[in-house]
């Protein structure tokens, strides 16, 4: 029904009005049979085809951000719920652009910018202002310097900026509560409800809204300045992540802890119970996890053996499971065990992984495709020559339907194959 909802393709049109003989004993011309077979192959291949450039649902091609063309950009930051962006140059300079509401761009005003503009406080050779990490919330921004100082600016609701109030900050401001500590990682929750920071000594600090115990200190009280999560003391945390009303921490040992809201099994403990203190993920015991990522209500974990484990919501097939069944505890994703996965990331309801391998190869077969080899093109060329024999494109136009069908299908099938191989 999906295929028939739009304009009919030549194959669909041909097959829709095709009349097959009722008598199974009746002989059918071999050429006619070939036309029908080619038309069905073309029809079945349609869902696998790339979108046409004129399609209203196709994506625009990537374009160079001209304002950064002369800069050596080493990191970019954005937020799935936000409309502003940060870029970090190798020189330590930070550029921002997009929506300026809440003073999130760090230029002292709420003016939106269509092109990147350097944040003046991070430009020049000021001591301690060489930025090495950047992060975006939906309405605020953060940066970590080489000295380990954490700066935040933008919308201040819930005390998420960590400056002791809920006021917006027009320009970058040092999080004084972490002074003397070297911050190595910062994370912000969906809706900017909470902020977490990991420091070089393995500690984790949290602040902002405390609903569901997502700050990890018991209870639901929030706070407007960083406070230590004592339950993670001496566990040597190397990374923190935030999802929607929950938090995750990765230890140097490879263990993973989660806490906060438990709905949709997002914590991975096999229940939907809310947990107010960090709790070890038993489902990953025996695995050394080297990276974690959090979506709104699902999570990924990458092990040193290149396995990708997932848990939580599956309403958008985040776990490759078309049954959309929620995953209560961590389990390896199928089909990735031989892919040499080296990195993972999550969108709100999307999962991403990427690989690295010394040997690269491109699959030469896809469903309803043809082998890419010289014989294939020789046979297709022969078929097309027979179809177009005696036609000059004018007197006999439009062509007979059977000839049109074979020509379209013969060109579409290698088009699918070449597209699949190149992408």
Protein backbone atom coordinates (compact mmCIF):
# COMPACT_ATOMS: atom_id res chain seq x y z
CA UNK A 1 0.00 0.00 0.00
CA UNK A 2 2.93 2.33 0.73
CA UNK A 3 4.28 1.84 -2.77
CA UNK A 4 0.89 2.41 -4.35
CA UNK A 5 0.21 5.61 -2.41
CA UNK A 6 2.40 7.65 -4.75
CA UNK A 7 2.66 7.85 -8.54
CA UNK A 8 2.80 4.42 -10.15
CA UNK A 9 6.15 3.36 -11.49
CA UNK A 10 6.31 1.79 -14.96
CA UNK A 11 6.71 -1.64 -13.37
CA UNK A 12 3.73 -1.16 -11.03
CA UNK A 13 1.61 0.11 -13.89
CA UNK A 14 2.57 -2.83 -16.08
CA UNK A 15 1.93 -5.44 -13.38
CA UNK A 16 -1.32 -3.89 -12.17
CA UNK A 17 -2.95 -4.32 -15.57
CA UNK A 18 -1.20 -7.56 -16.49
CA UNK A 19 -3.60 -10.38 -17.29
CA UNK A 20 -2.30 -13.91 -16.82
CA UNK A 21 -3.95 -16.85 -18.63
CA UNK A 22 -6.25 -18.97 -16.48
CA UNK A 23 -5.18 -22.16 -18.25
CA UNK A 24 -1.98 -23.41 -16.62
CA UNK A 25 -1.34 -25.66 -19.60
CA UNK A 26 -1.22 -22.75 -22.02
CA UNK A 27 2.25 -22.02 -23.39
CA UNK A 28 3.54 -18.48 -22.83
CA UNK A 29 6.10 -16.72 -24.99
CA UNK A 30 9.52 -16.84 -23.32
CA UNK A 31 10.15 -13.14 -24.00
CA UNK A 32 6.84 -12.23 -22.32
CA UNK A 33 7.82 -14.32 -19.31
CA UNK A 34 11.15 -12.53 -19.08
CA UNK A 35 9.39 -9.13 -19.12
CA UNK A 36 7.12 -10.18 -16.22
CA UNK A 37 10.06 -11.54 -14.21
CA UNK A 38 12.10 -8.35 -14.75
CA UNK A 39 9.11 -6.20 -13.78
CA UNK A 40 8.61 -8.13 -10.54
CA UNK A 41 12.31 -7.85 -9.68
CA UNK A 42 12.15 -4.12 -10.30
CA UNK A 43 9.04 -3.82 -8.11
CA UNK A 44 10.59 -5.78 -5.26
CA UNK A 45 13.76 -3.69 -5.44
CA UNK A 46 11.89 -0.37 -5.18
CA UNK A 47 12.03 -0.07 -1.33
CA UNK A 48 15.82 -0.54 -1.49
CA UNK A 49 16.32 2.19 -4.07
CA UNK A 50 17.94 5.55 -3.18
CA UNK A 51 15.61 8.53 -3.15
CA UNK A 52 15.59 10.69 -6.25
CA UNK A 53 17.18 14.11 -5.87
CA UNK A 54 13.82 15.72 -6.60
CA UNK A 55 12.12 13.83 -3.79
CA UNK A 56 10.70 16.18 -1.13
CA UNK A 57 11.95 13.82 1.61
CA UNK A 58 15.56 13.67 0.42
CA UNK A 59 18.29 15.38 2.41
CA UNK A 60 20.24 18.34 1.13
CA UNK A 61 23.89 17.70 0.44
CA UNK A 62 26.44 18.69 3.11
CA UNK A 63 27.81 22.18 2.72
CA UNK A 64 30.99 23.72 4.06
CA UNK A 65 30.52 26.12 6.97
CA UNK A 66 32.28 29.05 5.35
CA UNK A 67 32.85 30.89 8.61
CA UNK A 68 35.11 28.04 9.76
CA UNK A 69 36.73 27.23 6.39
CA UNK A 70 40.10 28.68 7.42
CA UNK A 71 40.04 27.12 10.91
CA UNK A 72 41.34 23.72 11.96
CA UNK A 73 38.22 22.50 13.78
CA UNK A 74 38.85 19.56 16.12
CA UNK A 75 35.47 19.20 17.81
CA UNK A 76 31.84 20.28 17.36
CA UNK A 77 28.93 20.17 19.80
CA UNK A 78 25.15 20.29 19.44
CA UNK A 79 22.07 19.05 21.29
CA UNK A 80 19.14 17.11 19.88
CA UNK A 81 16.65 19.50 21.52
CA UNK A 82 18.64 22.66 20.83
CA UNK A 83 19.11 25.14 18.03
CA UNK A 84 22.66 26.34 18.64
CA UNK A 85 26.12 24.96 17.94
CA UNK A 86 29.70 25.17 19.19
CA UNK A 87 32.94 24.49 17.34
CA UNK A 88 36.39 24.10 18.92
CA UNK A 89 39.49 25.05 16.94
CA UNK A 90 42.93 23.52 17.45
CA UNK A 91 44.04 26.88 18.82
CA UNK A 92 41.59 26.54 21.72
CA UNK A 93 39.20 29.14 20.34
CA UNK A 94 35.46 28.44 20.59
CA UNK A 95 32.91 29.55 17.98
CA UNK A 96 29.13 29.63 18.43
CA UNK A 97 26.11 30.25 16.21
CA UNK A 98 22.39 29.57 15.99
CA UNK A 99 19.61 30.55 18.38
CA UNK A 100 20.65 33.10 20.99
CA UNK A 101 17.76 32.75 23.46
CA UNK A 102 18.87 32.56 27.06
CA UNK A 103 22.27 34.02 26.05
CA UNK A 104 23.44 30.51 25.21
CA UNK A 105 25.92 31.71 22.54
CA UNK A 106 28.18 33.42 25.09
CA UNK A 107 28.36 36.83 23.37
CA UNK A 108 26.49 38.72 26.08
CA UNK A 109 23.20 39.03 24.21
CA UNK A 110 20.30 37.02 22.78
CA UNK A 111 20.97 37.87 19.13
CA UNK A 112 20.78 34.79 16.83
CA UNK A 113 23.76 34.21 14.55
CA UNK A 114 23.65 32.60 11.12
CA UNK A 115 27.44 32.28 10.97
CA UNK A 116 30.02 31.16 13.55
CA UNK A 117 31.42 33.90 15.76
CA UNK A 118 34.38 33.47 18.10
CA UNK A 119 33.57 33.79 21.81
CA UNK A 120 35.85 36.62 22.84
CA UNK A 121 36.58 35.25 26.30
CA UNK A 122 38.11 32.15 24.69
CA UNK A 123 40.19 34.00 22.11
CA UNK A 124 43.76 35.22 22.49
CA UNK A 125 46.44 33.86 24.75
CA UNK A 126 44.80 34.33 28.13
CA UNK A 127 46.26 31.90 30.66
CA UNK A 128 44.03 28.93 31.44
CA UNK A 129 41.56 29.67 28.64
CA UNK A 130 42.78 27.11 26.10
CA UNK A 131 39.63 25.03 25.68
CA UNK A 132 39.91 21.27 25.11
CA UNK A 133 36.26 20.17 25.40
CA UNK A 134 32.86 21.70 24.58
CA UNK A 135 29.25 20.65 25.25
CA UNK A 136 25.76 21.92 24.40
CA UNK A 137 22.56 21.58 26.34
CA UNK A 138 19.32 22.54 24.67
CA UNK A 139 19.52 26.04 26.17
CA UNK A 140 23.00 26.37 27.67
CA UNK A 141 26.64 25.66 26.90
CA UNK A 142 29.77 24.43 28.66
CA UNK A 143 33.51 24.32 28.04
CA UNK A 144 36.49 22.71 29.77
CA UNK A 145 39.95 24.27 29.58
CA UNK A 146 43.32 22.54 29.46
CA UNK A 147 43.70 23.44 33.14
CA UNK A 148 40.51 21.51 33.92
CA UNK A 149 38.34 24.55 34.64
CA UNK A 150 34.64 24.26 33.79
CA UNK A 151 32.78 27.26 32.36
CA UNK A 152 29.02 27.38 31.78
CA UNK A 153 26.66 30.00 30.33
CA UNK A 154 23.10 30.34 29.03
CA UNK A 155 19.75 29.43 30.59
CA UNK A 156 20.02 28.85 34.35
CA UNK A 157 16.78 27.06 35.29
CA UNK A 158 17.05 24.48 38.10
CA UNK A 159 20.52 25.83 38.91
CA UNK A 160 21.87 23.76 36.02
CA UNK A 161 24.79 26.17 35.44
CA UNK A 162 26.19 25.43 38.90
CA UNK A 163 26.67 29.06 39.98
CA UNK A 164 24.34 29.02 42.98
CA UNK A 165 21.29 30.56 41.32
CA UNK A 166 18.72 30.00 38.57
CA UNK A 167 19.69 33.15 36.72
CA UNK A 168 20.78 33.13 33.08
CA UNK A 169 24.42 33.92 32.39
CA UNK A 170 25.15 36.11 29.38
CA UNK A 171 28.88 35.34 29.25
CA UNK A 172 30.91 32.32 30.25
CA UNK A 173 31.35 31.93 33.98
CA UNK A 174 33.67 29.67 35.95
CA UNK A 175 31.95 26.98 38.05
CA UNK A 176 33.59 28.03 41.30
CA UNK A 177 32.41 24.98 43.21
CA UNK A 178 34.89 22.85 41.25
CA UNK A 179 37.84 25.21 41.62
CA UNK A 180 41.00 23.29 42.47
CA UNK A 181 39.74 20.16 40.70
CA UNK A 182 40.57 19.19 37.13
CA UNK A 183 37.34 18.48 35.23
CA UNK A 184 37.74 15.92 32.42
CA UNK A 185 34.14 15.31 31.34
CA UNK A 186 30.77 17.07 31.57
CA UNK A 187 27.29 15.78 30.71
CA UNK A 188 23.80 17.30 30.64
CA UNK A 189 20.45 15.58 30.84
CA UNK A 190 17.55 15.71 28.39
CA UNK A 191 15.72 18.97 28.98
CA UNK A 192 18.83 20.26 30.73
CA UNK A 193 17.44 19.08 34.06
CA UNK A 194 20.77 18.02 35.57
CA UNK A 195 24.49 18.42 34.98
CA UNK A 196 27.26 15.97 35.89
CA UNK A 197 31.03 16.49 35.88
CA UNK A 198 33.81 13.93 36.26
CA UNK A 199 37.17 15.06 37.63
CA UNK A 200 40.68 13.72 37.14
CA UNK A 201 40.77 12.21 40.63
CA UNK A 202 37.86 9.92 39.71
CA UNK A 203 35.11 11.86 41.48
CA UNK A 204 31.66 12.76 40.11
CA UNK A 205 29.84 15.96 40.97
CA UNK A 206 26.19 16.71 40.16
CA UNK A 207 23.80 19.65 40.32
CA UNK A 208 20.47 20.88 38.96
CA UNK A 209 17.03 19.28 39.28
CA UNK A 210 16.95 16.24 41.57
CA UNK A 211 13.70 14.48 40.62
CA UNK A 212 13.82 10.66 40.71
CA UNK A 213 17.17 10.75 42.51
CA UNK A 214 19.08 11.43 39.29
CA UNK A 215 21.71 13.48 41.15
CA UNK A 216 22.77 10.26 42.91
CA UNK A 217 22.72 11.44 46.51
CA UNK A 218 19.41 9.95 47.67
CA UNK A 219 16.06 11.71 47.66
CA UNK A 220 14.83 14.16 45.06
CA UNK A 221 16.35 17.39 46.32
CA UNK A 222 18.02 19.55 43.71
CA UNK A 223 21.01 21.84 44.19
CA UNK A 224 22.44 24.88 42.41
CA UNK A 225 26.13 24.23 43.02
CA UNK A 226 28.18 21.06 42.43
CA UNK A 227 27.96 18.43 45.14
CA UNK A 228 29.96 15.23 45.39
CA UNK A 229 28.27 11.86 44.70
CA UNK A 230 29.78 10.03 47.64
CA UNK A 231 28.60 6.59 46.54
CA UNK A 232 31.06 6.82 43.61
CA UNK A 233 34.03 7.76 45.77
CA UNK A 234 37.15 5.66 45.18
CA UNK A 235 35.64 4.01 42.08
CA UNK A 236 37.75 6.04 39.64
CA UNK A 237 35.08 7.34 37.25
CA UNK A 238 36.31 8.29 33.76
CA UNK A 239 33.06 9.28 32.00
CA UNK A 240 29.53 10.38 32.85
CA UNK A 241 26.38 10.47 30.70
CA UNK A 242 22.87 11.79 31.21
CA UNK A 243 19.60 10.72 29.67
CA UNK A 244 16.03 11.73 30.40
CA UNK A 245 15.85 11.87 34.21
CA UNK A 246 18.71 9.40 34.74
CA UNK A 247 22.49 9.25 34.87
CA UNK A 248 25.31 6.81 34.04
CA UNK A 249 28.96 6.57 35.10
CA UNK A 250 31.79 4.50 33.60
CA UNK A 251 34.65 3.35 35.81
CA UNK A 252 38.28 2.93 34.80
CA UNK A 253 37.84 -0.75 35.73
CA UNK A 254 35.18 -1.11 33.03
CA UNK A 255 32.21 -1.29 35.39
CA UNK A 256 29.07 0.79 34.77
CA UNK A 257 26.71 2.35 37.31
CA UNK A 258 23.27 3.90 36.65
CA UNK A 259 20.66 5.71 38.72
CA UNK A 260 17.56 7.93 38.45
CA UNK A 261 14.18 7.27 36.83
CA UNK A 262 13.54 3.61 36.04
CA UNK A 263 10.63 3.74 33.57
CA UNK A 264 11.14 1.89 30.27
CA UNK A 265 13.96 -0.15 31.85
CA UNK A 266 16.34 2.70 31.04
CA UNK A 267 18.60 1.91 34.02
CA UNK A 268 19.26 -1.67 32.89
CA UNK A 269 18.63 -3.30 36.26
CA UNK A 270 15.71 -5.46 35.12
CA UNK A 271 13.02 -3.37 36.86
CA UNK A 272 11.32 0.00 36.43
CA UNK A 273 12.13 1.05 39.97
CA UNK A 274 13.56 4.54 40.48
CA UNK A 275 17.03 4.38 42.05
CA UNK A 276 18.38 7.34 44.05
CA UNK A 277 21.97 6.12 44.38
CA UNK A 278 24.44 4.79 41.77
CA UNK A 279 23.92 1.05 41.31
CA UNK A 280 26.25 -1.40 39.57
CA UNK A 281 24.92 -2.84 36.29
CA UNK A 282 25.10 -6.58 37.00
CA UNK A 283 24.28 -7.40 33.38
CA UNK A 284 27.71 -6.15 32.30
CA UNK A 285 29.73 -8.01 34.92
CA UNK A 286 32.59 -9.93 33.33
CA UNK A 287 32.78 -7.39 30.49
CA UNK A 288 35.27 -4.52 30.44
CA UNK A 289 33.30 -1.55 29.14
CA UNK A 290 35.38 1.20 27.50
CA UNK A 291 32.60 3.62 26.49
CA UNK A 292 28.96 4.38 27.26
CA UNK A 293 26.28 6.51 25.60
CA UNK A 294 22.77 7.52 26.62
CA UNK A 295 19.69 8.45 24.61
CA UNK A 296 16.49 9.75 26.15
CA UNK A 297 15.47 6.35 27.52
CA UNK A 298 17.97 3.82 26.12
CA UNK A 299 21.71 3.21 26.49
CA UNK A 300 24.69 1.64 24.73
CA UNK A 301 27.91 0.21 26.14
CA UNK A 302 31.04 -0.72 24.15
CA UNK A 303 33.38 -3.40 25.50
CA UNK A 304 37.10 -3.88 24.89
CA UNK A 305 36.14 -6.89 22.74
CA UNK A 306 34.21 -4.55 20.38
CA UNK A 307 30.84 -5.84 21.57
CA UNK A 308 27.96 -3.33 21.73
CA UNK A 309 25.45 -3.94 24.51
CA UNK A 310 22.15 -2.07 24.80
CA UNK A 311 19.19 -1.71 27.14
CA UNK A 312 16.10 0.42 27.71
CA UNK A 313 13.35 1.66 25.38
CA UNK A 314 12.87 0.09 21.97
CA UNK A 315 9.85 2.03 20.72
CA UNK A 316 11.88 3.28 17.72
CA UNK A 317 13.83 0.02 17.16
CA UNK A 318 16.87 1.36 19.03
CA UNK A 319 18.05 -2.24 19.55
CA UNK A 320 17.55 -3.52 15.97
CA UNK A 321 14.47 -5.33 17.27
CA UNK A 322 11.45 -4.70 15.04
CA UNK A 323 9.17 -6.19 17.71
CA UNK A 324 9.84 -2.98 19.67
CA UNK A 325 10.12 -4.86 22.96
CA UNK A 326 11.76 -2.94 25.82
CA UNK A 327 15.12 -4.39 26.83
CA UNK A 328 15.32 -4.70 30.66
CA UNK A 329 19.01 -5.56 30.97
CA UNK A 330 22.17 -5.15 28.87
CA UNK A 331 22.55 -7.62 26.01
CA UNK A 332 24.80 -7.64 22.94
CA UNK A 333 23.36 -6.20 19.73
CA UNK A 334 23.20 -8.79 16.93
CA UNK A 335 25.26 -8.50 13.77
CA UNK A 336 28.06 -6.31 15.15
CA UNK A 337 30.39 -8.97 16.53
CA UNK A 338 32.60 -9.04 13.41
CA UNK A 339 32.49 -5.31 12.62
CA UNK A 340 35.47 -4.15 14.75
CA UNK A 341 33.33 -1.49 16.46
CA UNK A 342 35.43 1.29 18.00
CA UNK A 343 32.85 3.95 18.87
CA UNK A 344 29.21 4.44 19.89
CA UNK A 345 26.75 7.31 20.25
CA UNK A 346 23.05 7.86 20.91
CA UNK A 347 20.46 10.29 19.63
CA UNK A 348 17.24 10.67 21.62
CA UNK A 349 15.87 7.45 20.08
CA UNK A 350 18.71 6.42 17.76
CA UNK A 351 21.77 4.21 18.12
CA UNK A 352 25.05 4.67 16.26
CA UNK A 353 28.26 2.66 16.07
CA UNK A 354 31.28 2.89 13.83
CA UNK A 355 34.15 0.57 13.01
CA UNK A 356 37.83 0.62 12.17
CA UNK A 357 39.60 -2.13 10.27
CA UNK A 358 42.87 -2.48 8.39
CA UNK A 359 41.07 -4.28 5.59
CA UNK A 360 38.02 -2.75 3.94
CA UNK A 361 35.66 -4.49 1.57
CA UNK A 362 32.38 -3.68 -0.13
CA UNK A 363 29.63 -6.25 -0.37
CA UNK A 364 28.86 -7.01 -4.01
CA UNK A 365 25.40 -8.41 -3.39
CA UNK A 366 22.22 -6.94 -1.94
CA UNK A 367 18.64 -8.24 -2.07
CA UNK A 368 17.24 -8.04 -5.61
CA UNK A 369 20.60 -6.78 -6.85
CA UNK A 370 22.99 -8.21 -9.42
CA UNK A 371 26.66 -9.09 -9.28
CA UNK A 372 28.96 -6.25 -10.25
CA UNK A 373 31.22 -7.86 -12.81
CA UNK A 374 31.96 -7.57 -16.51
CA UNK A 375 29.66 -10.46 -17.45
CA UNK A 376 26.69 -8.71 -15.80
CA UNK A 377 27.15 -5.56 -17.85
CA UNK A 378 27.80 -7.54 -21.03
CA UNK A 379 24.51 -9.40 -20.56
CA UNK A 380 22.60 -6.20 -19.73
CA UNK A 381 24.13 -4.49 -22.76
CA UNK A 382 23.04 -7.38 -24.97
CA UNK A 383 19.53 -7.26 -23.51
CA UNK A 384 19.22 -3.51 -24.03
CA UNK A 385 20.51 -3.81 -27.61
CA UNK A 386 17.82 -6.39 -28.39
CA UNK A 387 15.12 -4.23 -26.81
CA UNK A 388 16.12 -1.09 -28.72
CA UNK A 389 16.81 -2.82 -32.03
CA UNK A 390 15.15 -0.99 -34.91
CA UNK A 391 14.02 1.94 -32.77
CA UNK A 392 15.07 5.48 -33.65
CA UNK A 393 13.27 7.28 -30.78
CA UNK A 394 10.90 9.32 -32.91
CA UNK A 395 8.58 7.45 -35.25
CA UNK A 396 8.09 4.61 -32.79
CA UNK A 397 7.67 6.77 -29.69
CA UNK A 398 6.41 5.99 -27.12
CA UNK A 399 7.98 2.52 -27.22
CA UNK A 400 5.97 -0.66 -26.80
CA UNK A 401 5.25 -1.37 -23.14
CA UNK A 402 7.18 -4.63 -23.07
CA UNK A 403 10.33 -2.97 -24.42
CA UNK A 404 9.98 -0.08 -21.96
CA UNK A 405 9.57 -2.49 -19.03
CA UNK A 406 12.70 -4.49 -19.84
CA UNK A 407 14.75 -1.32 -20.40
CA UNK A 408 13.67 0.32 -17.12
CA UNK A 409 14.20 -2.83 -15.07
CA UNK A 410 17.53 -3.62 -16.71
CA UNK A 411 18.82 -0.14 -15.79
CA UNK A 412 17.27 0.02 -12.32
CA UNK A 413 18.82 -3.21 -11.04
CA UNK A 414 22.47 -2.23 -11.61
CA UNK A 415 21.60 1.27 -10.36
CA UNK A 416 20.53 -0.26 -7.03
CA UNK A 417 23.68 -2.38 -6.86
CA UNK A 418 26.09 0.47 -7.65
CA UNK A 419 24.34 2.74 -5.14
CA UNK A 420 24.52 0.08 -2.41
CA UNK A 421 28.22 -0.53 -3.06
CA UNK A 422 29.18 3.16 -3.14
CA UNK A 423 27.25 4.00 0.02
